[in-house]
């Protein structure tokens, strides 16, 4: 399962990334982003299976990110 982490606070993003990497070999951390716009661009390129996102972030929040990806039919 390809996972993308989206979190504006670096220590939290690093902790989530570390946790995902160590939970199961079935999980592959394919990227991380510090805001929704960055995550949107990454998602178009790498097409993650799962996005773990913060809701409140600068530039583009998590809800707007998911709406845009759903509109583009990136998410199932």
Protein backbone atom coordinates (compact mmCIF):
# COMPACT_ATOMS: atom_id res chain seq x y z
CA UNK A 1 0.00 0.00 0.00
CA UNK A 2 1.54 3.31 -1.12
CA UNK A 3 1.09 6.05 1.50
CA UNK A 4 1.53 9.83 1.29
CA UNK A 5 1.86 11.90 4.49
CA UNK A 6 0.69 15.53 4.48
CA UNK A 7 1.44 17.60 7.58
CA UNK A 8 2.70 21.17 7.94
CA UNK A 9 4.53 20.58 11.23
CA UNK A 10 7.83 18.79 10.55
CA UNK A 11 8.14 16.89 13.90
CA UNK A 12 4.63 15.46 13.52
CA UNK A 13 5.22 14.63 9.85
CA UNK A 14 8.46 12.84 10.79
CA UNK A 15 6.76 10.90 13.60
CA UNK A 16 3.90 9.75 11.33
CA UNK A 17 6.40 8.78 8.62
CA UNK A 18 8.48 6.79 11.11
CA UNK A 19 5.40 5.04 12.46
CA UNK A 20 4.08 4.11 9.00
CA UNK A 21 7.46 2.71 7.97
CA UNK A 22 7.62 0.50 11.06
CA UNK A 23 4.05 -0.81 11.27
CA UNK A 24 4.14 -3.30 8.42
CA UNK A 25 6.15 -4.26 5.38
CA UNK A 26 2.90 -3.93 3.43
CA UNK A 27 3.05 -0.13 3.85
CA UNK A 28 5.34 1.87 1.58
CA UNK A 29 5.89 5.52 2.42
CA UNK A 30 6.15 7.08 -1.04
CA UNK A 31 6.35 10.70 -0.01
CA UNK A 32 5.51 13.51 2.33
CA UNK A 33 4.38 17.09 1.87
CA UNK A 34 4.17 20.17 4.07
CA UNK A 35 0.98 21.59 2.58
CA UNK A 36 -1.99 20.61 0.45
CA UNK A 37 -0.73 22.21 -2.76
CA UNK A 38 2.55 20.29 -2.56
CA UNK A 39 0.62 17.09 -1.79
CA UNK A 40 -1.71 17.70 -4.73
CA UNK A 41 1.22 17.95 -7.17
CA UNK A 42 2.85 14.82 -5.67
CA UNK A 43 -0.42 12.88 -5.84
CA UNK A 44 -0.82 13.58 -9.53
CA UNK A 45 2.63 12.08 -10.14
CA UNK A 46 2.78 9.16 -7.71
CA UNK A 47 -0.90 8.25 -7.26
CA UNK A 48 -0.88 7.06 -3.62
CA UNK A 49 -3.30 4.42 -2.33
CA UNK A 50 -3.71 6.27 0.99
CA UNK A 51 -3.24 9.89 2.01
CA UNK A 52 -2.83 10.71 5.70
CA UNK A 53 -3.42 14.44 5.91
CA UNK A 54 -3.73 17.22 8.41
CA UNK A 55 -6.91 19.25 8.04
CA UNK A 56 -5.65 22.74 8.88
CA UNK A 57 -2.57 23.75 6.86
CA UNK A 58 -1.32 26.81 5.00
CA UNK A 59 -1.70 27.25 1.22
CA UNK A 60 -4.27 24.42 0.84
CA UNK A 61 -6.00 22.59 3.70
CA UNK A 62 -6.58 18.84 3.84
CA UNK A 63 -10.28 19.02 2.94
CA UNK A 64 -9.57 21.12 -0.17
CA UNK A 65 -6.80 18.71 -1.12
CA UNK A 66 -9.11 15.71 -0.99
CA UNK A 67 -11.87 17.56 -2.87
CA UNK A 68 -9.44 18.47 -5.67
CA UNK A 69 -8.09 14.93 -5.91
CA UNK A 70 -11.59 13.49 -5.92
CA UNK A 71 -12.56 15.93 -8.68
CA UNK A 72 -9.53 14.79 -10.71
CA UNK A 73 -10.49 11.16 -10.02
CA UNK A 74 -7.09 10.49 -8.43
CA UNK A 75 -8.71 8.92 -5.37
CA UNK A 76 -10.85 5.77 -5.67
